Amino acid sequence: MPHQPASSALARFRVIDLTQVRAGPTACRQLADWGADVVQVQMPEHMRGDDTLGGQEGSDYQYTHRNKRSITLNLKEPEGIQLLWSKLQISW
C-alpha cells in the first residue's frame, strides 16, 4: 500500500534524520507525517549498542520511524560520508 502522508504541507522538504534517541526520531517522524521526505540514516548493525527500545522489530521503533525512508551508512568512514552526500543528493 503506498504511503499516504497526513498532510502535504512539507512535501518540498527533505530531512536527513541522524538522531538516535527518543526526541530526535519523534520530531523527524512528525515532519514525515506532515509530508516531508525524511531519510533516516542508521549506523551498521555491528556498531549499534544495546537497543532498549526492542530493536527494529519492536512496535516502539516502528511507531517512532513511520513514514521515513532509511539507509545504513558508516559515517566514521569517508566512503559513508561520500555516499550520504551523493546518494541523498544533498548540497550546501
C-alpha atoms as a PDB file:
ATOM      1  CA  MET A   1       0.000   0.000   0.000  1.00  0.00           C
ATOM      2  CA  PRO A   2       1.541   3.378  -0.963  1.00  0.00           C
ATOM      3  CA  HIS A   3       2.359   5.910   1.712  1.00  0.00           C
ATOM      4  CA  GLN A   4      -0.397   8.488   2.281  1.00  0.00           C
ATOM      5  CA  PRO A   5       1.015  11.410   4.319  1.00  0.00           C
ATOM      6  CA  ALA A   6      -1.372  13.133   6.689  1.00  0.00           C
ATOM      7  CA  SER A   7      -0.515  16.436   5.038  1.00  0.00           C
ATOM      8  CA  SER A   8       1.465  17.719   2.090  1.00  0.00           C
ATOM      9  CA  ALA A   9       2.470  20.937   3.859  1.00  0.00           C
ATOM     10  CA  LEU A  10       6.159  19.983   3.938  1.00  0.00           C
ATOM     11  CA  ALA A  11       6.314  17.988   0.695  1.00  0.00           C
ATOM     12  CA  ARG A  12       9.028  20.204  -0.773  1.00  0.00           C
ATOM     13  CA  PHE A  13      11.476  19.475   2.069  1.00  0.00           C
ATOM     14  CA  ARG A  14      13.941  16.628   2.563  1.00  0.00           C
ATOM     15  CA  VAL A  15      15.002  15.956   6.153  1.00  0.00           C
ATOM     16  CA  ILE A  16      18.057  13.864   6.976  1.00  0.00           C
ATOM     17  CA  ASP A  17      17.415  12.124  10.311  1.00  0.00           C
ATOM     18  CA  LEU A  18      20.740  11.452  12.057  1.00  0.00           C
ATOM     19  CA  THR A  19      19.132  11.191  15.502  1.00  0.00           C
ATOM     20  CA  GLN A  20      19.120   8.114  17.716  1.00  0.00           C
ATOM     21  CA  VAL A  21      17.241   8.751  20.934  1.00  0.00           C
ATOM     22  CA  ARG A  22      13.583   9.480  21.649  1.00  0.00           C
ATOM     23  CA  ALA A  23      13.186  13.237  20.990  1.00  0.00           C
ATOM     24  CA  GLY A  24      15.035  13.403  17.658  1.00  0.00           C
ATOM     25  CA  PRO A  25      13.314  10.488  15.904  1.00  0.00           C
ATOM     26  CA  THR A  26       9.953  11.660  17.242  1.00  0.00           C
ATOM     27  CA  ALA A  27      10.450  15.180  15.864  1.00  0.00           C
ATOM     28  CA  CYS A  28      11.511  13.778  12.489  1.00  0.00           C
ATOM     29  CA  ARG A  29       8.507  11.433  12.488  1.00  0.00           C
ATOM     30  CA  GLN A  30       6.241  14.434  12.931  1.00  0.00           C
ATOM     31  CA  LEU A  31       7.871  16.140   9.943  1.00  0.00           C
ATOM     32  CA  ALA A  32       7.346  12.951   7.923  1.00  0.00           C
ATOM     33  CA  ASP A  33       3.701  12.847   8.997  1.00  0.00           C
ATOM     34  CA  TRP A  34       3.355  16.392   7.627  1.00  0.00           C
ATOM     35  CA  GLY A  35       4.682  15.261   4.250  1.00  0.00           C
ATOM     36  CA  ALA A  36       8.439  15.914   4.394  1.00  0.00           C
ATOM     37  CA  ASP A  37      10.716  13.370   2.698  1.00  0.00           C
ATOM     38  CA  VAL A  38      12.516  12.067   5.789  1.00  0.00           C
ATOM     39  CA  VAL A  39      15.533   9.806   5.333  1.00  0.00           C
ATOM     40  CA  GLN A  40      16.719   8.069   8.468  1.00  0.00           C
ATOM     41  CA  VAL A  41      20.475   7.346   8.432  1.00  0.00           C
ATOM     42  CA  GLN A  42      21.246   4.265  10.506  1.00  0.00           C
ATOM     43  CA  MET A  43      24.614   3.021  11.658  1.00  0.00           C
ATOM     44  CA  PRO A  44      25.678  -0.502  10.662  1.00  0.00           C
ATOM     45  CA  GLU A  45      24.377  -3.231  12.926  1.00  0.00           C
ATOM     46  CA  HIS A  46      27.828  -4.153  14.271  1.00  0.00           C
ATOM     47  CA  MET A  47      28.173  -0.580  15.619  1.00  0.00           C
ATOM     48  CA  ARG A  48      24.854  -0.465  17.448  1.00  0.00           C
ATOM     49  CA  GLY A  49      24.873  -0.782  21.195  1.00  0.00           C
ATOM     50  CA  ASP A  50      22.227  -2.213  23.478  1.00  0.00           C
ATOM     51  CA  ASP A  51      18.854  -1.325  21.983  1.00  0.00           C
ATOM     52  CA  THR A  52      16.457  -0.749  24.855  1.00  0.00           C
ATOM     53  CA  LEU A  53      13.510   0.054  22.557  1.00  0.00           C
ATOM     54  CA  GLY A  54      13.020  -3.532  21.373  1.00  0.00           C
ATOM     55  CA  GLY A  55      15.113  -3.373  18.222  1.00  0.00           C
ATOM     56  CA  GLN A  56      13.865  -2.581  14.756  1.00  0.00           C
ATOM     57  CA  GLU A  57      11.141  -5.184  15.001  1.00  0.00           C
ATOM     58  CA  GLY A  58       9.604  -3.640  18.109  1.00  0.00           C
ATOM     59  CA  SER A  59       6.396  -1.645  17.959  1.00  0.00           C
ATOM     60  CA  ASP A  60       8.048   1.399  19.567  1.00  0.00           C
ATOM     61  CA  TYR A  61      10.669   1.525  16.822  1.00  0.00           C
ATOM     62  CA  GLN A  62       8.054   1.063  14.107  1.00  0.00           C
ATOM     63  CA  TYR A  63       5.933   3.857  15.567  1.00  0.00           C
ATOM     64  CA  THR A  64       8.839   6.253  16.015  1.00  0.00           C
ATOM     65  CA  HIS A  65      10.174   5.747  12.477  1.00  0.00           C
ATOM     66  CA  ARG A  66       6.956   5.511  10.482  1.00  0.00           C
ATOM     67  CA  ASN A  67       6.738   7.374   7.159  1.00  0.00           C
ATOM     68  CA  LYS A  68      10.543   7.518   6.854  1.00  0.00           C
ATOM     69  CA  ARG A  69      12.880   6.028   4.308  1.00  0.00           C
ATOM     70  CA  SER A  70      16.139   4.657   5.660  1.00  0.00           C
ATOM     71  CA  ILE A  71      19.705   3.977   4.643  1.00  0.00           C
ATOM     72  CA  THR A  72      22.526   2.330   6.590  1.00  0.00           C
ATOM     73  CA  LEU A  73      25.854   4.156   6.436  1.00  0.00           C
ATOM     74  CA  ASN A  74      29.052   4.128   8.454  1.00  0.00           C
ATOM     75  CA  LEU A  75      29.677   7.857   8.860  1.00  0.00           C
ATOM     76  CA  LYS A  76      33.009   7.157  10.579  1.00  0.00           C
ATOM     77  CA  GLU A  77      34.424   6.200   7.189  1.00  0.00           C
ATOM     78  CA  PRO A  78      34.991   8.619   4.287  1.00  0.00           C
ATOM     79  CA  GLU A  79      33.026   6.327   1.977  1.00  0.00           C
ATOM     80  CA  GLY A  80      29.947   6.607   4.192  1.00  0.00           C
ATOM     81  CA  ILE A  81      30.096  10.384   4.208  1.00  0.00           C
ATOM     82  CA  GLN A  82      30.598  10.473   0.447  1.00  0.00           C
ATOM     83  CA  LEU A  83      27.567   8.220  -0.035  1.00  0.00           C
ATOM     84  CA  LEU A  84      25.499  10.454   2.230  1.00  0.00           C
ATOM     85  CA  TRP A  85      26.264  13.451   0.043  1.00  0.00           C
ATOM     86  CA  SER A  86      25.915  11.716  -3.315  1.00  0.00           C
ATOM     87  CA  LYS A  87      23.067   9.232  -2.871  1.00  0.00           C
ATOM     88  CA  LEU A  88      20.826  11.594  -0.941  1.00  0.00           C
ATOM     89  CA  GLN A  89      21.619  14.461  -3.324  1.00  0.00           C
ATOM     90  CA  ILE A  90      22.478  16.869  -0.540  1.00  0.00           C
ATOM     91  CA  SER A  91      24.078  20.160  -1.445  1.00  0.00           C
ATOM     92  CA  TRP A  92      25.025  23.226   0.559  1.00  0.00           C
END
